[in-house]
Full PDB file with SEQRES, HELIX, SHEET, SSBOND, CRYST1, ORIGX, SCALE, CONECT and MASTER records, all heavy atoms in Angstrom:
SEQRES   1 A   41  VAL GLU GLU SER ASN LYS SER ARG TYR GLN LEU ARG PHE          
SEQRES   2 A   41  ALA ALA GLY GLU TYR TRP ILE LEU ASP MET VAL GLN GLU          
SEQRES   3 A   41  GLY ILE PRO TYR MET LYS PRO LEU SER VAL ASN GLU VAL          
SEQRES   4 A   41  GLY ALA                                                      
HELIX    1 AA1 GLU A    3  ASN A    5  5                                   3    
SHEET    1 AA1 3 TYR A   9  ALA A  14  0                                        
SHEET    2 AA1 3 GLU A  17  ASP A  22 -1                                        
SHEET    3 AA1 3 LEU A  34  VAL A  36 -1                                        
CRYST1    1.000    1.000    1.000  90.00  90.00  90.00 P 1           1          
ORIGX1      1.000000  0.000000  0.000000        0.00000                         
ORIGX2      0.000000  1.000000  0.000000        0.00000                         
ORIGX3      0.000000  0.000000  1.000000        0.00000                         
SCALE1      1.000000  0.000000  0.000000        0.00000                         
SCALE2      0.000000  1.000000  0.000000        0.00000                         
SCALE3      0.000000  0.000000  1.000000        0.00000                         
ATOM      1  N   VAL A   1      75.534  62.745  77.465  1.00  0.00           N  
ATOM      2  CA  VAL A   1      75.229  63.303  78.766  1.00  0.00           C  
ATOM      3  C   VAL A   1      74.618  62.188  79.593  1.00  0.00           C  
ATOM      4  O   VAL A   1      73.685  61.522  79.157  1.00  0.00           O  
ATOM      5  CB  VAL A   1      74.246  64.487  78.645  1.00  0.00           C  
ATOM      6  CG1 VAL A   1      73.910  65.050  80.005  1.00  0.00           C  
ATOM      7  CG2 VAL A   1      74.825  65.570  77.757  1.00  0.00           C  
ATOM      8  N   GLU A   2      75.183  61.940  80.768  1.00  0.00           N  
ATOM      9  CA  GLU A   2      74.668  60.876  81.620  1.00  0.00           C  
ATOM     10  C   GLU A   2      73.228  61.182  82.007  1.00  0.00           C  
ATOM     11  O   GLU A   2      72.855  62.333  82.227  1.00  0.00           O  
ATOM     12  CB  GLU A   2      75.517  60.730  82.872  1.00  0.00           C  
ATOM     13  CG  GLU A   2      76.897  60.169  82.586  1.00  0.00           C  
ATOM     14  CD  GLU A   2      77.706  59.949  83.844  1.00  0.00           C  
ATOM     15  OE1 GLU A   2      77.164  60.057  84.954  1.00  0.00           O  
ATOM     16  OE2 GLU A   2      78.898  59.655  83.704  1.00  0.00           O  
ATOM     17  N   GLU A   3      72.412  60.148  82.091  1.00  0.00           N  
ATOM     18  CA  GLU A   3      70.987  60.294  82.405  1.00  0.00           C  
ATOM     19  C   GLU A   3      70.773  61.107  83.671  1.00  0.00           C  
ATOM     20  O   GLU A   3      69.918  61.979  83.723  1.00  0.00           O  
ATOM     21  CB  GLU A   3      70.340  58.910  82.545  1.00  0.00           C  
ATOM     22  CG  GLU A   3      68.832  58.957  82.599  1.00  0.00           C  
ATOM     23  CD  GLU A   3      68.191  59.464  81.321  1.00  0.00           C  
ATOM     24  OE1 GLU A   3      68.675  59.140  80.227  1.00  0.00           O  
ATOM     25  OE2 GLU A   3      67.195  60.205  81.433  1.00  0.00           O  
ATOM     26  N   SER A   4      71.580  60.850  84.695  1.00  0.00           N  
ATOM     27  CA  SER A   4      71.415  61.556  85.970  1.00  0.00           C  
ATOM     28  C   SER A   4      71.762  63.035  85.869  1.00  0.00           C  
ATOM     29  O   SER A   4      71.381  63.823  86.719  1.00  0.00           O  
ATOM     30  CB  SER A   4      72.267  60.903  87.048  1.00  0.00           C  
ATOM     31  OG  SER A   4      73.641  60.991  86.705  1.00  0.00           O  
ATOM     32  N   ASN A   5      72.497  63.422  84.819  1.00  0.00           N  
ATOM     33  CA  ASN A   5      72.906  64.817  84.682  1.00  0.00           C  
ATOM     34  C   ASN A   5      72.053  65.604  83.691  1.00  0.00           C  
ATOM     35  O   ASN A   5      72.255  66.791  83.519  1.00  0.00           O  
ATOM     36  CB  ASN A   5      74.366  64.892  84.254  1.00  0.00           C  
ATOM     37  CG  ASN A   5      75.279  64.446  85.369  1.00  0.00           C  
ATOM     38  OD1 ASN A   5      75.156  64.916  86.491  1.00  0.00           O  
ATOM     39  ND2 ASN A   5      76.155  63.527  85.080  1.00  0.00           N  
ATOM     40  N   LYS A   6      71.103  64.925  83.020  1.00  0.00           N  
ATOM     41  CA  LYS A   6      70.285  65.619  82.024  1.00  0.00           C  
ATOM     42  C   LYS A   6      69.466  66.733  82.644  1.00  0.00           C  
ATOM     43  O   LYS A   6      69.246  67.758  82.022  1.00  0.00           O  
ATOM     44  CB  LYS A   6      69.396  64.640  81.266  1.00  0.00           C  
ATOM     45  CG  LYS A   6      70.176  63.830  80.254  1.00  0.00           C  
ATOM     46  CD  LYS A   6      69.271  62.970  79.421  1.00  0.00           C  
ATOM     47  CE  LYS A   6      70.088  62.183  78.417  1.00  0.00           C  
ATOM     48  NZ  LYS A   6      69.251  61.344  77.569  1.00  0.00           N  
ATOM     49  N   SER A   7      69.007  66.551  83.868  1.00  0.00           N  
ATOM     50  CA  SER A   7      68.239  67.621  84.505  1.00  0.00           C  
ATOM     51  C   SER A   7      69.161  68.622  85.196  1.00  0.00           C  
ATOM     52  O   SER A   7      68.790  69.768  85.385  1.00  0.00           O  
ATOM     53  CB  SER A   7      67.230  67.056  85.491  1.00  0.00           C  
ATOM     54  OG  SER A   7      67.889  66.342  86.502  1.00  0.00           O  
ATOM     55  N   ARG A   8      70.368  68.201  85.534  1.00  0.00           N  
ATOM     56  CA  ARG A   8      71.302  69.115  86.184  1.00  0.00           C  
ATOM     57  C   ARG A   8      71.868  70.122  85.189  1.00  0.00           C  
ATOM     58  O   ARG A   8      71.912  71.316  85.454  1.00  0.00           O  
ATOM     59  CB  ARG A   8      72.450  68.355  86.844  1.00  0.00           C  
ATOM     60  CG  ARG A   8      73.433  69.311  87.476  1.00  0.00           C  
ATOM     61  CD  ARG A   8      74.519  68.652  88.246  1.00  0.00           C  
ATOM     62  NE  ARG A   8      75.351  69.697  88.832  1.00  0.00           N  
ATOM     63  CZ  ARG A   8      76.163  69.508  89.828  1.00  0.00           C  
ATOM     64  NH1 ARG A   8      76.265  68.321  90.377  1.00  0.00           N  
ATOM     65  NH2 ARG A   8      76.893  70.497  90.290  1.00  0.00           N  
ATOM     66  N   TYR A   9      72.332  69.639  84.048  1.00  0.00           N  
ATOM     67  CA  TYR A   9      72.913  70.512  83.026  1.00  0.00           C  
ATOM     68  C   TYR A   9      71.901  70.674  81.904  1.00  0.00           C  
ATOM     69  O   TYR A   9      71.492  69.691  81.298  1.00  0.00           O  
ATOM     70  CB  TYR A   9      74.217  69.929  82.492  1.00  0.00           C  
ATOM     71  CG  TYR A   9      75.262  69.810  83.564  1.00  0.00           C  
ATOM     72  CD1 TYR A   9      75.489  68.611  84.208  1.00  0.00           C  
ATOM     73  CD2 TYR A   9      76.012  70.920  83.947  1.00  0.00           C  
ATOM     74  CE1 TYR A   9      76.442  68.506  85.205  1.00  0.00           C  
ATOM     75  CE2 TYR A   9      76.966  70.828  84.946  1.00  0.00           C  
ATOM     76  CZ  TYR A   9      77.176  69.615  85.571  1.00  0.00           C  
ATOM     77  OH  TYR A   9      78.113  69.518  86.558  1.00  0.00           O  
ATOM     78  N   GLN A  10      71.516  71.908  81.657  1.00  0.00           N  
ATOM     79  CA  GLN A  10      70.496  72.154  80.650  1.00  0.00           C  
ATOM     80  C   GLN A  10      70.968  73.197  79.650  1.00  0.00           C  
ATOM     81  O   GLN A  10      71.647  74.161  80.010  1.00  0.00           O  
ATOM     82  CB  GLN A  10      69.204  72.615  81.310  1.00  0.00           C  
ATOM     83  CG  GLN A  10      68.595  71.558  82.198  1.00  0.00           C  
ATOM     84  CD  GLN A  10      67.289  71.994  82.812  1.00  0.00           C  
ATOM     85  OE1 GLN A  10      66.713  73.017  82.465  1.00  0.00           O  
ATOM     86  NE2 GLN A  10      66.799  71.198  83.749  1.00  0.00           N  
ATOM     87  N   LEU A  11      70.575  72.965  78.406  1.00  0.00           N  
ATOM     88  CA  LEU A  11      70.859  73.908  77.331  1.00  0.00           C  
ATOM     89  C   LEU A  11      69.693  74.872  77.250  1.00  0.00           C  
ATOM     90  O   LEU A  11      68.539  74.458  77.207  1.00  0.00           O  
ATOM     91  CB  LEU A  11      71.024  73.159  76.006  1.00  0.00           C  
ATOM     92  CG  LEU A  11      71.280  74.028  74.782  1.00  0.00           C  
ATOM     93  CD1 LEU A  11      72.673  74.664  74.851  1.00  0.00           C  
ATOM     94  CD2 LEU A  11      71.136  73.205  73.512  1.00  0.00           C  
ATOM     95  N   ARG A  12      70.005  76.153  77.234  1.00  0.00           N  
ATOM     96  CA  ARG A  12      68.980  77.190  77.126  1.00  0.00           C  
ATOM     97  C   ARG A  12      69.404  78.187  76.052  1.00  0.00           C  
ATOM     98  O   ARG A  12      70.593  78.361  75.778  1.00  0.00           O  
ATOM     99  CB  ARG A  12      68.809  77.944  78.454  1.00  0.00           C  
ATOM    100  CG  ARG A  12      68.393  77.087  79.619  1.00  0.00           C  
ATOM    101  CD  ARG A  12      66.942  76.649  79.466  1.00  0.00           C  
ATOM    102  NE  ARG A  12      66.536  75.694  80.475  1.00  0.00           N  
ATOM    103  CZ  ARG A  12      65.988  75.995  81.640  1.00  0.00           C  
ATOM    104  NH1 ARG A  12      65.796  77.249  81.969  1.00  0.00           N  
ATOM    105  NH2 ARG A  12      65.653  75.043  82.471  1.00  0.00           N  
ATOM    106  N   PHE A  13      68.411  78.850  75.467  1.00  0.00           N  
ATOM    107  CA  PHE A  13      68.671  79.905  74.499  1.00  0.00           C  
ATOM    108  C   PHE A  13      68.115  81.196  75.075  1.00  0.00           C  
ATOM    109  O   PHE A  13      66.924  81.286  75.371  1.00  0.00           O  
ATOM    110  CB  PHE A  13      68.002  79.598  73.148  1.00  0.00           C  
ATOM    111  CG  PHE A  13      68.336  80.591  72.078  1.00  0.00           C  
ATOM    112  CD1 PHE A  13      69.562  80.553  71.438  1.00  0.00           C  
ATOM    113  CD2 PHE A  13      67.436  81.576  71.728  1.00  0.00           C  
ATOM    114  CE1 PHE A  13      69.888  81.470  70.448  1.00  0.00           C  
ATOM    115  CE2 PHE A  13      67.745  82.500  70.739  1.00  0.00           C  
ATOM    116  CZ  PHE A  13      68.970  82.446  70.101  1.00  0.00           C  
ATOM    117  N   ALA A  14      68.984  82.187  75.280  1.00  0.00           N  
ATOM    118  CA  ALA A  14      68.566  83.472  75.848  1.00  0.00           C  
ATOM    119  C   ALA A  14      69.503  84.558  75.361  1.00  0.00           C  
ATOM    120  O   ALA A  14      70.700  84.317  75.166  1.00  0.00           O  
ATOM    121  CB  ALA A  14      68.583  83.417  77.373  1.00  0.00           C  
ATOM    122  N   ALA A  15      68.950  85.720  75.157  1.00  0.00           N  
ATOM    123  CA  ALA A  15      69.733  86.891  74.741  1.00  0.00           C  
ATOM    124  C   ALA A  15      70.520  86.610  73.459  1.00  0.00           C  
ATOM    125  O   ALA A  15      71.642  87.066  73.290  1.00  0.00           O  
ATOM    126  CB  ALA A  15      70.659  87.356  75.862  1.00  0.00           C  
ATOM    127  N   GLY A  16      69.933  85.820  72.562  1.00  0.00           N  
ATOM    128  CA  GLY A  16      70.571  85.540  71.283  1.00  0.00           C  
ATOM    129  C   GLY A  16      71.719  84.554  71.338  1.00  0.00           C  
ATOM    130  O   GLY A  16      72.447  84.408  70.368  1.00  0.00           O  
ATOM    131  N   GLU A  17      71.889  83.855  72.475  1.00  0.00           N  
ATOM    132  CA  GLU A  17      72.982  82.902  72.624  1.00  0.00           C  
ATOM    133  C   GLU A  17      72.478  81.615  73.270  1.00  0.00           C  
ATOM    134  O   GLU A  17      71.486  81.618  73.982  1.00  0.00           O  
ATOM    135  CB  GLU A  17      74.088  83.468  73.521  1.00  0.00           C  
ATOM    136  CG  GLU A  17      74.852  84.609  72.907  1.00  0.00           C  
ATOM    137  CD  GLU A  17      76.043  85.004  73.757  1.00  0.00           C  
ATOM    138  OE1 GLU A  17      76.855  84.111  74.076  1.00  0.00           O  
ATOM    139  OE2 GLU A  17      76.148  86.177  74.100  1.00  0.00           O  
ATOM    140  N   TYR A  18      73.217  80.537  73.013  1.00  0.00           N  
ATOM    141  CA  TYR A  18      72.961  79.275  73.698  1.00  0.00           C  
ATOM    142  C   TYR A  18      73.828  79.222  74.946  1.00  0.00           C  
ATOM    143  O   TYR A  18      74.984  79.646  74.922  1.00  0.00           O  
ATOM    144  CB  TYR A  18      73.311  78.088  72.795  1.00  0.00           C  
ATOM    145  CG  TYR A  18      72.344  77.896  71.660  1.00  0.00           C  
ATOM    146  CD1 TYR A  18      72.629  78.394  70.396  1.00  0.00           C  
ATOM    147  CD2 TYR A  18      71.150  77.206  71.843  1.00  0.00           C  
ATOM    148  CE1 TYR A  18      71.735  78.219  69.340  1.00  0.00           C  
ATOM    149  CE2 TYR A  18      70.260  77.024  70.806  1.00  0.00           C  
ATOM    150  CZ  TYR A  18      70.559  77.530  69.559  1.00  0.00           C  
ATOM    151  OH  TYR A  18      69.680  77.355  68.529  1.00  0.00           O  
ATOM    152  N   TRP A  19      73.252  78.678  76.010  1.00  0.00           N  
ATOM    153  CA  TRP A  19      73.948  78.583  77.285  1.00  0.00           C  
ATOM    154  C   TRP A  19      73.749  77.194  77.872  1.00  0.00           C  
ATOM    155  O   TRP A  19      72.654  76.647  77.795  1.00  0.00           O  
ATOM    156  CB  TRP A  19      73.383  79.590  78.287  1.00  0.00           C  
ATOM    157  CG  TRP A  19      73.452  81.002  77.832  1.00  0.00           C  
ATOM    158  CD1 TRP A  19      72.508  81.682  77.121  1.00  0.00           C  
ATOM    159  CD2 TRP A  19      74.519  81.913  78.031  1.00  0.00           C  
ATOM    160  NE1 TRP A  19      72.932  82.958  76.878  1.00  0.00           N  
ATOM    161  CE2 TRP A  19      74.161  83.134  77.424  1.00  0.00           C  
ATOM    162  CE3 TRP A  19      75.750  81.820  78.674  1.00  0.00           C  
ATOM    163  CZ2 TRP A  19      74.985  84.244  77.440  1.00  0.00           C  
ATOM    164  CZ3 TRP A  19      76.578  82.934  78.690  1.00  0.00           C  
ATOM    165  CH2 TRP A  19      76.188  84.122  78.079  1.00  0.00           C  
ATOM    166  N   ILE A  20      74.789  76.651  78.490  1.00  0.00           N  
ATOM    167  CA  ILE A  20      74.651  75.436  79.268  1.00  0.00           C  
ATOM    168  C   ILE A  20      74.746  75.866  80.727  1.00  0.00           C  
ATOM    169  O   ILE A  20      75.713  76.513  81.136  1.00  0.00           O  
ATOM    170  CB  ILE A  20      75.728  74.398  78.918  1.00  0.00           C  
ATOM    171  CG1 ILE A  20      75.527  73.960  77.467  1.00  0.00           C  
ATOM    172  CG2 ILE A  20      75.663  73.211  79.875  1.00  0.00           C  
ATOM    173  CD1 ILE A  20      76.585  73.038  76.945  1.00  0.00           C  
ATOM    174  N   LEU A  21      73.713  75.519  81.470  1.00  0.00           N  
ATOM    175  CA  LEU A  21      73.622  75.937  82.859  1.00  0.00           C  
ATOM    176  C   LEU A  21      73.667  74.744  83.790  1.00  0.00           C  
ATOM    177  O   LEU A  21      73.094  73.697  83.500  1.00  0.00           O  
ATOM    178  CB  LEU A  21      72.298  76.668  83.114  1.00  0.00           C  
ATOM    179  CG  LEU A  21      72.127  78.014  82.427  1.00  0.00           C  
ATOM    180  CD1 LEU A  21      71.513  77.835  81.074  1.00  0.00           C  
ATOM    181  CD2 LEU A  21      71.274  78.902  83.268  1.00  0.00           C  
ATOM    182  N   ASP A  22      74.346  74.926  84.921  1.00  0.00           N  
ATOM    183  CA  ASP A  22      74.322  73.950  85.999  1.00  0.00           C  
ATOM    184  C   ASP A  22      73.143  74.338  86.874  1.00  0.00           C  
ATOM    185  O   ASP A  22      73.176  75.357  87.558  1.00  0.00           O  
ATOM    186  CB  ASP A  22      75.635  73.999  86.778  1.00  0.00           C  
ATOM    187  CG  ASP A  22      75.698  72.978  87.905  1.00  0.00           C  
ATOM    188  OD1 ASP A  22      74.651  72.385  88.243  1.00  0.00           O  
ATOM    189  OD2 ASP A  22      76.797  72.781  88.442  1.00  0.00           O  
ATOM    190  N   MET A  23      72.088  73.532  86.855  1.00  0.00           N  
ATOM    191  CA  MET A  23      70.855  73.856  87.563  1.00  0.00           C  
ATOM    192  C   MET A  23      70.905  73.466  89.041  1.00  0.00           C  
ATOM    193  O   MET A  23      69.977  73.749  89.779  1.00  0.00           O  
ATOM    194  CB  MET A  23      69.672  73.160  86.882  1.00  0.00           C  
ATOM    195  CG  MET A  23      69.547  73.475  85.401  1.00  0.00           C  
ATOM    196  SD  MET A  23      69.375  75.234  85.030  1.00  0.00           S  
ATOM    197  CE  MET A  23      67.714  75.511  85.608  1.00  0.00           C  
ATOM    198  N   VAL A  24      71.997  72.829  89.464  1.00  0.00           N  
ATOM    199  CA  VAL A  24      72.126  72.403  90.856  1.00  0.00           C  
ATOM    200  C   VAL A  24      73.401  73.013  91.434  1.00  0.00           C  
ATOM    201  O   VAL A  24      74.408  72.345  91.603  1.00  0.00           O  
ATOM    202  CB  VAL A  24      72.159  70.858  90.971  1.00  0.00           C  
ATOM    203  CG1 VAL A  24      72.197  70.432  92.437  1.00  0.00           C  
ATOM    204  CG2 VAL A  24      70.974  70.239  90.269  1.00  0.00           C  
ATOM    205  N   GLN A  25      73.341  74.287  91.681  1.00  0.00           N  
ATOM    206  CA  GLN A  25      74.497  74.986  92.252  1.00  0.00           C  
ATOM    207  C   GLN A  25      74.552  74.702  93.742  1.00  0.00           C  
ATOM    208  O   GLN A  25      73.542  74.790  94.435  1.00  0.00           O  
ATOM    209  CB  GLN A  25      74.362  76.489  92.026  1.00  0.00           C  
ATOM    210  CG  GLN A  25      74.356  76.885  90.575  1.00  0.00           C  
ATOM    211  CD  GLN A  25      75.758  77.083  90.023  1.00  0.00           C  
ATOM    212  OE1 GLN A  25      76.706  77.286  90.762  1.00  0.00           O  
ATOM    213  NE2 GLN A  25      75.870  77.034  88.715  1.00  0.00           N  
ATOM    214  N   GLU A  26      75.712  74.362  94.232  1.00  0.00           N  
ATOM    215  CA  GLU A  26      75.862  74.048  95.649  1.00  0.00           C  
ATOM    216  C   GLU A  26      76.742  75.092  96.324  1.00  0.00           C  
ATOM    217  O   GLU A  26      77.889  74.811  96.678  1.00  0.00           O  
ATOM    218  CB  GLU A  26      76.421  72.648  95.812  1.00  0.00           C  
ATOM    219  CG  GLU A  26      75.473  71.577  95.277  1.00  0.00           C  
ATOM    220  CD  GLU A  26      76.009  70.180  95.447  1.00  0.00           C  
ATOM    221  OE1 GLU A  26      77.061  69.996  96.083  1.00  0.00           O  
ATOM    222  OE2 GLU A  26      75.354  69.269  94.928  1.00  0.00           O  
ATOM    223  N   GLY A  27      76.193  76.273  96.496  1.00  0.00           N  
ATOM    224  CA  GLY A  27      76.905  77.314  97.226  1.00  0.00           C  
ATOM    225  C   GLY A  27      77.957  78.028  96.405  1.00  0.00           C  
ATOM    226  O   GLY A  27      77.860  78.178  95.209  1.00  0.00           O  
ATOM    227  N   ILE A  28      78.990  78.435  97.082  1.00  0.00           N  
ATOM    228  CA  ILE A  28      80.044  79.247  96.486  1.00  0.00           C  
ATOM    229  C   ILE A  28      81.196  78.325  96.118  1.00  0.00           C  
ATOM    230  O   ILE A  28      81.503  77.393  96.869  1.00  0.00           O  
ATOM    231  CB  ILE A  28      80.484  80.322  97.491  1.00  0.00           C  
ATOM    232  CG1 ILE A  28      79.274  81.215  97.787  1.00  0.00           C  
ATOM    233  CG2 ILE A  28      81.647  81.126  96.983  1.00  0.00           C  
ATOM    234  CD1 ILE A  28      79.483  82.233  98.866  1.00  0.00           C  
ATOM    235  N   PRO A  29      81.885  78.518  95.029  1.00  0.00           N  
ATOM    236  CA  PRO A  29      81.713  79.623  94.098  1.00  0.00           C  
ATOM    237  C   PRO A  29      80.587  79.348  93.102  1.00  0.00           C  
ATOM    238  O   PRO A  29      80.296  78.202  92.772  1.00  0.00           O  
ATOM    239  CB  PRO A  29      83.052  79.686  93.361  1.00  0.00           C  
ATOM    240  CG  PRO A  29      83.530  78.274  93.354  1.00  0.00           C  
ATOM    241  CD  PRO A  29      83.017  77.669  94.651  1.00  0.00           C  
ATOM    242  N   TYR A  30      79.973  80.413  92.653  1.00  0.00           N  
ATOM    243  CA  TYR A  30      78.920  80.331  91.654  1.00  0.00           C  
ATOM    244  C   TYR A  30      79.531  79.942  90.313  1.00  0.00           C  
ATOM    245  O   TYR A  30      80.544  80.502  89.909  1.00  0.00           O  
ATOM    246  CB  TYR A  30      78.216  81.688  91.529  1.00  0.00           C  
ATOM    247  CG  TYR A  30      77.280  81.776  90.355  1.00  0.00           C  
ATOM    248  CD1 TYR A  30      76.066  81.101  90.376  1.00  0.00           C  
ATOM    249  CD2 TYR A  30      77.608  82.521  89.231  1.00  0.00           C  
ATOM    250  CE1 TYR A  30      75.197  81.175  89.297  1.00  0.00           C  
ATOM    251  CE2 TYR A  30      76.749  82.599  88.151  1.00  0.00           C  
ATOM    252  CZ  TYR A  30      75.545  81.923  88.192  1.00  0.00           C  
ATOM    253  OH  TYR A  30      74.686  81.991  87.132  1.00  0.00           O  
ATOM    254  N   MET A  31      78.942  78.968  89.645  1.00  0.00           N  
ATOM    255  CA  MET A  31      79.421  78.547  88.344  1.00  0.00           C  
ATOM    256  C   MET A  31      78.617  79.274  87.265  1.00  0.00           C  
ATOM    257  O   MET A  31      77.409  79.082  87.154  1.00  0.00           O  
ATOM    258  CB  MET A  31      79.285  77.039  88.150  1.00  0.00           C  
ATOM    259  CG  MET A  31      79.896  76.567  86.849  1.00  0.00           C  
ATOM    260  SD  MET A  31      79.668  74.811  86.542  1.00  0.00           S  
ATOM    261  CE  MET A  31      80.714  74.110  87.793  1.00  0.00           C  
ATOM    262  N   LYS A  32      79.306  80.137  86.534  1.00  0.00           N  
ATOM    263  CA  LYS A  32      78.643  80.897  85.477  1.00  0.00           C  
ATOM    264  C   LYS A  32      78.184  79.966  84.361  1.00  0.00           C  
ATOM    265  O   LYS A  32      78.822  78.943  84.101  1.00  0.00           O  
ATOM    266  CB  LYS A  32      79.599  81.935  84.880  1.00  0.00           C  
ATOM    267  CG  LYS A  32      80.029  82.994  85.846  1.00  0.00           C  
ATOM    268  CD  LYS A  32      80.987  83.944  85.168  1.00  0.00           C  
ATOM    269  CE  LYS A  32      81.487  84.979  86.144  1.00  0.00           C  
ATOM    270  NZ  LYS A  32      82.444  85.895  85.518  1.00  0.00           N  
ATOM    271  N   PRO A  33      77.082  80.324  83.683  1.00  0.00           N  
ATOM    272  CA  PRO A  33      76.659  79.533  82.526  1.00  0.00           C  
ATOM    273  C   PRO A  33      77.750  79.536  81.453  1.00  0.00           C  
ATOM    274  O   PRO A  33      78.523  80.485  81.339  1.00  0.00           O  
ATOM    275  CB  PRO A  33      75.414  80.259  82.025  1.00  0.00           C  
ATOM    276  CG  PRO A  33      74.947  81.072  83.181  1.00  0.00           C  
ATOM    277  CD  PRO A  33      76.179  81.427  83.955  1.00  0.00           C  
ATOM    278  N   LEU A  34      77.792  78.469  80.680  1.00  0.00           N  
ATOM    279  CA  LEU A  34      78.768  78.321  79.612  1.00  0.00           C  
ATOM    280  C   LEU A  34      78.106  78.682  78.291  1.00  0.00           C  
ATOM    281  O   LEU A  34      77.118  78.069  77.899  1.00  0.00           O  
ATOM    282  CB  LEU A  34      79.272  76.877  79.571  1.00  0.00           C  
ATOM    283  CG  LEU A  34      80.263  76.516  78.482  1.00  0.00           C  
ATOM    284  CD1 LEU A  34      81.563  77.287  78.667  1.00  0.00           C  
ATOM    285  CD2 LEU A  34      80.532  75.027  78.499  1.00  0.00           C  
ATOM    286  N   SER A  35      78.640  79.677  77.614  1.00  0.00           N  
ATOM    287  CA  SER A  35      78.116  80.092  76.319  1.00  0.00           C  
ATOM    288  C   SER A  35      78.645  79.159  75.234  1.00  0.00           C  
ATOM    289  O   SER A  35      79.843  78.864  75.194  1.00  0.00           O  
ATOM    290  CB  SER A  35      78.556  81.532  76.020  1.00  0.00           C  
ATOM    291  OG  SER A  35      78.140  81.915  74.725  1.00  0.00           O  
ATOM    292  N   VAL A  36      77.742  78.647  74.382  1.00  0.00           N  
ATOM    293  CA  VAL A  36      78.135  77.791  73.269  1.00  0.00           C  
ATOM    294  C   VAL A  36      77.502  78.314  71.986  1.00  0.00           C  
ATOM    295  O   VAL A  36      76.457  78.951  72.017  1.00  0.00           O  
ATOM    296  CB  VAL A  36      77.750  76.311  73.503  1.00  0.00           C  
ATOM    297  CG1 VAL A  36      78.460  75.760  74.724  1.00  0.00           C  
ATOM    298  CG2 VAL A  36      76.263  76.125  73.636  1.00  0.00           C  
ATOM    299  N   ASN A  37      78.154  78.009  70.865  1.00  0.00           N  
ATOM    300  CA  ASN A  37      77.614  78.461  69.588  1.00  0.00           C  
ATOM    301  C   ASN A  37      76.556  77.476  69.076  1.00  0.00           C  
ATOM    302  O   ASN A  37      76.233  76.479  69.724  1.00  0.00           O  
ATOM    303  CB  ASN A  37      78.733  78.688  68.567  1.00  0.00           C  
ATOM    304  CG  ASN A  37      79.499  77.423  68.237  1.00  0.00           C  
ATOM    305  OD1 ASN A  37      79.047  76.310  68.463  1.00  0.00           O  
ATOM    306  ND2 ASN A  37      80.695  77.594  67.682  1.00  0.00           N  
ATOM    307  N   GLU A  38      76.043  77.744  67.889  1.00  0.00           N  
ATOM    308  CA  GLU A  38      74.987  76.925  67.302  1.00  0.00           C  
ATOM    309  C   GLU A  38      75.418  75.472  67.113  1.00  0.00           C  
ATOM    310  O   GLU A  38      74.647  74.540  67.355  1.00  0.00           O  
ATOM    311  CB  GLU A  38      74.582  77.526  65.954  1.00  0.00           C  
ATOM    312  CG  GLU A  38      73.486  76.787  65.245  1.00  0.00           C  
ATOM    313  CD  GLU A  38      73.136  77.418  63.905  1.00  0.00           C  
ATOM    314  OE1 GLU A  38      73.267  78.644  63.753  1.00  0.00           O  
ATOM    315  OE2 GLU A  38      72.727  76.664  63.008  1.00  0.00           O  
ATOM    316  N   VAL A  39      76.656  75.280  66.697  1.00  0.00           N  
ATOM    317  CA  VAL A  39      77.164  73.920  66.489  1.00  0.00           C  
ATOM    318  C   VAL A  39      77.289  73.202  67.839  1.00  0.00           C  
ATOM    319  O   VAL A  39      76.917  72.033  67.967  1.00  0.00           O  
ATOM    320  CB  VAL A  39      78.506  73.921  65.735  1.00  0.00           C  
ATOM    321  CG1 VAL A  39      79.080  72.517  65.632  1.00  0.00           C  
ATOM    322  CG2 VAL A  39      78.335  74.535  64.353  1.00  0.00           C  
ATOM    323  N   GLY A  40      77.794  73.894  68.842  1.00  0.00           N  
ATOM    324  CA  GLY A  40      77.880  73.303  70.175  1.00  0.00           C  
ATOM    325  C   GLY A  40      76.504  72.913  70.699  1.00  0.00           C  
ATOM    326  O   GLY A  40      76.338  71.849  71.291  1.00  0.00           O  
ATOM    327  N   ALA A  41      75.519  73.760  70.454  1.00  0.00           N  
ATOM    328  CA  ALA A  41      74.153  73.452  70.876  1.00  0.00           C  
ATOM    329  C   ALA A  41      73.627  72.222  70.143  1.00  0.00           C  
ATOM    330  O   ALA A  41      72.978  71.355  70.742  1.00  0.00           O  
ATOM    331  CB  ALA A  41      73.240  74.650  70.632  1.00  0.00           C  
TER     332      ALA A  41                                                      
MASTER        0    0    0    1    3    0    0    6  331    1    0    4          
END                                                                             
């Protein structure tokens, strides 16, 4: 992950799943979080 994108794309664990979120959404369309499994995390 590029250094400049480490704060933009973040791995989170919520509702029993891992998610990669784009923390810098720029309007429409909304980019849904990406669900990943334990190995992906």
